[in-house]
Amino acid sequence: MTIISKELEIQDRLSSIYETLIKEKEVVRQDLAKTRHNYKKVCDKHILSGFQSEMEWIEASHLHQQKFLEYDTHCYLIDILSDYRDIEGYFPEYIHMLANIEMVMFKFAKEERYEVSAIIKLWLNKFIYAL
C-alpha cells in the first residue's frame, strides 16, 4: 500500500479546484454570449417599438452587465492563481496565494464592489476547504 503525502493530497485538491474554476469560467463565458445576444434582441425590440419596452431593456442590460462582471471576476481570479502555479500544475506557495486572494476580496469589499467580493469569497472558501 502506497502512502501519499498530505502535501501532495492538498496540491491535488487545489489543482482540481483550479481546473473547476477554469471550467466554470467557460460556462460563464457561454452564458455571457447568450445574454449579449438577448440584450441585442431586446435593444432592437425597444427601438422598433418606439422605445416602449424600457423595463425589458433595462432588465436585459442589467443581466448582461452582471454576467460580464462574473466573467471578468473569474478571469481576474485565474490570473492571480496562475501566478502561483508552477510548471507541474501545483501551488507551492498556496498559503501566500490564499492570503493574496483574501486581501483582494477585502479590497473589493472596501471599494463597495460586493458582487466581485462575493464571487472571490466563494472560490476562496473552496480553496481553504481543500487544505
C-alpha atoms as a PDB file:
ATOM      1  CA  MET A   1       0.000   0.000   0.000  1.00  0.00           C
ATOM      2  CA  THR A   2       1.479   3.325  -1.022  1.00  0.00           C
ATOM      3  CA  ILE A   3       1.315   6.329   1.188  1.00  0.00           C
ATOM      4  CA  ILE A   4       0.614   9.638  -0.459  1.00  0.00           C
ATOM      5  CA  SER A   5       1.923  12.628   1.433  1.00  0.00           C
ATOM      6  CA  LYS A   6      -0.527  15.099   2.932  1.00  0.00           C
ATOM      7  CA  GLU A   7       1.123  17.876   0.904  1.00  0.00           C
ATOM      8  CA  LEU A   8       0.553  16.014  -2.352  1.00  0.00           C
ATOM      9  CA  GLU A   9      -3.092  15.452  -1.447  1.00  0.00           C
ATOM     10  CA  ILE A  10      -3.507  19.179  -0.788  1.00  0.00           C
ATOM     11  CA  GLN A  11      -1.831  20.033  -4.096  1.00  0.00           C
ATOM     12  CA  ASP A  12      -4.115  17.618  -5.964  1.00  0.00           C
ATOM     13  CA  ARG A  13      -7.215  19.150  -4.367  1.00  0.00           C
ATOM     14  CA  LEU A  14      -6.017  22.702  -5.116  1.00  0.00           C
ATOM     15  CA  SER A  15      -5.288  21.772  -8.731  1.00  0.00           C
ATOM     16  CA  SER A  16      -8.706  20.161  -9.029  1.00  0.00           C
ATOM     17  CA  ILE A  17     -10.411  23.318  -7.772  1.00  0.00           C
ATOM     18  CA  TYR A  18      -8.326  25.401 -10.173  1.00  0.00           C
ATOM     19  CA  GLU A  19      -9.472  23.221 -13.090  1.00  0.00           C
ATOM     20  CA  THR A  20     -13.082  23.550 -11.887  1.00  0.00           C
ATOM     21  CA  LEU A  21     -12.631  27.334 -11.857  1.00  0.00           C
ATOM     22  CA  ILE A  22     -11.422  27.266 -15.453  1.00  0.00           C
ATOM     23  CA  LYS A  23     -14.402  25.143 -16.484  1.00  0.00           C
ATOM     24  CA  GLU A  24     -16.765  27.478 -14.645  1.00  0.00           C
ATOM     25  CA  LYS A  25     -15.226  30.456 -16.446  1.00  0.00           C
ATOM     26  CA  GLU A  26     -16.056  28.785 -19.757  1.00  0.00           C
ATOM     27  CA  VAL A  27     -19.660  28.198 -18.646  1.00  0.00           C
ATOM     28  CA  VAL A  28     -19.929  31.842 -17.628  1.00  0.00           C
ATOM     29  CA  ARG A  29     -18.435  32.893 -20.987  1.00  0.00           C
ATOM     30  CA  GLN A  30     -21.110  30.922 -22.802  1.00  0.00           C
ATOM     31  CA  ASP A  31     -23.797  32.494 -20.591  1.00  0.00           C
ATOM     32  CA  LEU A  32     -22.304  35.901 -21.340  1.00  0.00           C
ATOM     33  CA  ALA A  33     -22.627  35.275 -25.077  1.00  0.00           C
ATOM     34  CA  LYS A  34     -26.278  34.310 -24.580  1.00  0.00           C
ATOM     35  CA  THR A  35     -27.041  37.393 -22.509  1.00  0.00           C
ATOM     36  CA  ARG A  36     -25.316  39.556 -25.122  1.00  0.00           C
ATOM     37  CA  HIS A  37     -27.444  38.031 -27.859  1.00  0.00           C
ATOM     38  CA  ASN A  38     -30.590  38.546 -25.774  1.00  0.00           C
ATOM     39  CA  TYR A  39     -29.573  42.120 -24.989  1.00  0.00           C
ATOM     40  CA  LYS A  40     -29.173  42.892 -28.698  1.00  0.00           C
ATOM     41  CA  LYS A  41     -32.615  41.411 -29.431  1.00  0.00           C
ATOM     42  CA  VAL A  42     -34.217  43.428 -26.639  1.00  0.00           C
ATOM     43  CA  CYS A  43     -32.462  46.612 -27.836  1.00  0.00           C
ATOM     44  CA  ASP A  44     -33.807  46.095 -31.346  1.00  0.00           C
ATOM     45  CA  LYS A  45     -37.284  45.429 -29.971  1.00  0.00           C
ATOM     46  CA  HIS A  46     -37.074  48.535 -27.787  1.00  0.00           C
ATOM     47  CA  ILE A  47     -36.082  50.706 -30.752  1.00  0.00           C
ATOM     48  CA  LEU A  48     -38.689  49.206 -33.095  1.00  0.00           C
ATOM     49  CA  SER A  49     -41.432  49.687 -30.504  1.00  0.00           C
ATOM     50  CA  GLY A  50     -40.707  53.399 -30.346  1.00  0.00           C
ATOM     51  CA  PHE A  51     -38.895  52.997 -27.038  1.00  0.00           C
ATOM     52  CA  GLN A  52     -41.913  51.465 -25.344  1.00  0.00           C
ATOM     53  CA  SER A  53     -40.224  48.423 -23.755  1.00  0.00           C
ATOM     54  CA  GLU A  54     -37.873  50.234 -21.448  1.00  0.00           C
ATOM     55  CA  MET A  55     -38.233  47.882 -18.458  1.00  0.00           C
ATOM     56  CA  GLU A  56     -37.365  44.844 -20.564  1.00  0.00           C
ATOM     57  CA  TRP A  57     -34.377  46.718 -21.989  1.00  0.00           C
ATOM     58  CA  ILE A  58     -33.187  47.745 -18.500  1.00  0.00           C
ATOM     59  CA  GLU A  59     -33.521  44.175 -17.234  1.00  0.00           C
ATOM     60  CA  ALA A  60     -31.630  42.724 -20.210  1.00  0.00           C
ATOM     61  CA  SER A  61     -28.924  45.351 -19.765  1.00  0.00           C
ATOM     62  CA  HIS A  62     -28.626  44.566 -16.065  1.00  0.00           C
ATOM     63  CA  LEU A  63     -28.413  40.808 -16.663  1.00  0.00           C
ATOM     64  CA  HIS A  64     -25.723  41.298 -19.291  1.00  0.00           C
ATOM     65  CA  GLN A  65     -23.711  43.589 -17.021  1.00  0.00           C
ATOM     66  CA  GLN A  66     -23.946  41.099 -14.151  1.00  0.00           C
ATOM     67  CA  LYS A  67     -22.795  38.213 -16.342  1.00  0.00           C
ATOM     68  CA  PHE A  68     -19.902  40.326 -17.675  1.00  0.00           C
ATOM     69  CA  LEU A  69     -18.874  41.186 -14.117  1.00  0.00           C
ATOM     70  CA  GLU A  70     -18.967  37.496 -13.184  1.00  0.00           C
ATOM     71  CA  TYR A  71     -16.874  36.537 -16.221  1.00  0.00           C
ATOM     72  CA  ASP A  72     -14.373  39.324 -15.620  1.00  0.00           C
ATOM     73  CA  THR A  73     -14.001  38.283 -11.981  1.00  0.00           C
ATOM     74  CA  HIS A  74     -13.351  34.671 -12.944  1.00  0.00           C
ATOM     75  CA  CYS A  75     -10.669  35.796 -15.414  1.00  0.00           C
ATOM     76  CA  TYR A  76      -9.073  38.036 -12.791  1.00  0.00           C
ATOM     77  CA  LEU A  77      -9.041  35.230 -10.238  1.00  0.00           C
ATOM     78  CA  ILE A  78      -7.478  32.811 -12.723  1.00  0.00           C
ATOM     79  CA  ASP A  79      -4.757  35.386 -13.463  1.00  0.00           C
ATOM     80  CA  ILE A  80      -3.923  35.661  -9.765  1.00  0.00           C
ATOM     81  CA  LEU A  81      -3.868  31.900  -9.273  1.00  0.00           C
ATOM     82  CA  SER A  82      -1.745  31.354 -12.380  1.00  0.00           C
ATOM     83  CA  ASP A  83       0.985  33.490 -10.857  1.00  0.00           C
ATOM     84  CA  TYR A  84       1.262  30.973  -8.014  1.00  0.00           C
ATOM     85  CA  ARG A  85       1.111  27.848 -10.160  1.00  0.00           C
ATOM     86  CA  ASP A  86       4.296  26.002 -11.044  1.00  0.00           C
ATOM     87  CA  ILE A  87       5.125  24.105 -14.222  1.00  0.00           C
ATOM     88  CA  GLU A  88       3.737  20.862 -12.784  1.00  0.00           C
ATOM     89  CA  GLY A  89       0.373  22.465 -12.019  1.00  0.00           C
ATOM     90  CA  TYR A  90       0.905  22.743  -8.275  1.00  0.00           C
ATOM     91  CA  PHE A  91       0.756  25.715  -5.938  1.00  0.00           C
ATOM     92  CA  PRO A  92       3.922  25.579  -3.805  1.00  0.00           C
ATOM     93  CA  GLU A  93       3.163  28.918  -2.134  1.00  0.00           C
ATOM     94  CA  TYR A  94      -0.529  28.230  -1.560  1.00  0.00           C
ATOM     95  CA  ILE A  95      -0.601  29.918   1.865  1.00  0.00           C
ATOM     96  CA  HIS A  96       0.616  33.185   0.294  1.00  0.00           C
ATOM     97  CA  MET A  97      -1.769  32.640  -2.617  1.00  0.00           C
ATOM     98  CA  LEU A  98      -4.772  32.335  -0.299  1.00  0.00           C
ATOM     99  CA  ALA A  99      -3.662  35.363   1.716  1.00  0.00           C
ATOM    100  CA  ASN A 100      -3.385  37.373  -1.508  1.00  0.00           C
ATOM    101  CA  ILE A 101      -6.836  36.275  -2.692  1.00  0.00           C
ATOM    102  CA  GLU A 102      -8.285  37.208   0.690  1.00  0.00           C
ATOM    103  CA  MET A 103      -6.607  40.618   0.515  1.00  0.00           C
ATOM    104  CA  VAL A 104      -8.057  41.176  -2.970  1.00  0.00           C
ATOM    105  CA  MET A 105     -11.504  40.115  -1.749  1.00  0.00           C
ATOM    106  CA  PHE A 106     -11.349  42.646   1.100  1.00  0.00           C
ATOM    107  CA  LYS A 107     -10.093  45.328  -1.282  1.00  0.00           C
ATOM    108  CA  PHE A 108     -13.162  44.905  -3.468  1.00  0.00           C
ATOM    109  CA  ALA A 109     -15.436  44.899  -0.414  1.00  0.00           C
ATOM    110  CA  LYS A 110     -13.810  48.101   0.836  1.00  0.00           C
ATOM    111  CA  GLU A 111     -14.494  49.653  -2.583  1.00  0.00           C
ATOM    112  CA  GLU A 112     -18.124  48.508  -2.139  1.00  0.00           C
ATOM    113  CA  ARG A 113     -17.875  46.152  -5.091  1.00  0.00           C
ATOM    114  CA  TYR A 114     -19.654  43.447  -3.176  1.00  0.00           C
ATOM    115  CA  GLU A 115     -20.612  41.322  -6.182  1.00  0.00           C
ATOM    116  CA  VAL A 116     -16.963  40.849  -7.102  1.00  0.00           C
ATOM    117  CA  SER A 117     -16.013  40.243  -3.493  1.00  0.00           C
ATOM    118  CA  ALA A 118     -18.732  37.593  -3.144  1.00  0.00           C
ATOM    119  CA  ILE A 119     -17.520  35.664  -6.205  1.00  0.00           C
ATOM    120  CA  ILE A 120     -13.952  35.739  -4.941  1.00  0.00           C
ATOM    121  CA  LYS A 121     -15.103  34.633  -1.478  1.00  0.00           C
ATOM    122  CA  LEU A 122     -16.907  31.648  -2.971  1.00  0.00           C
ATOM    123  CA  TRP A 123     -13.725  30.409  -4.640  1.00  0.00           C
ATOM    124  CA  LEU A 124     -11.501  31.349  -1.708  1.00  0.00           C
ATOM    125  CA  ASN A 125     -13.644  29.182   0.560  1.00  0.00           C
ATOM    126  CA  LYS A 126     -13.327  26.262  -1.844  1.00  0.00           C
ATOM    127  CA  PHE A 127      -9.544  26.577  -1.771  1.00  0.00           C
ATOM    128  CA  ILE A 128      -9.460  26.917   2.024  1.00  0.00           C
ATOM    129  CA  TYR A 129     -11.618  23.815   2.499  1.00  0.00           C
ATOM    130  CA  ALA A 130      -9.180  21.887   0.311  1.00  0.00           C
ATOM    131  CA  LEU A 131      -6.436  22.283   2.913  1.00  0.00           C
END
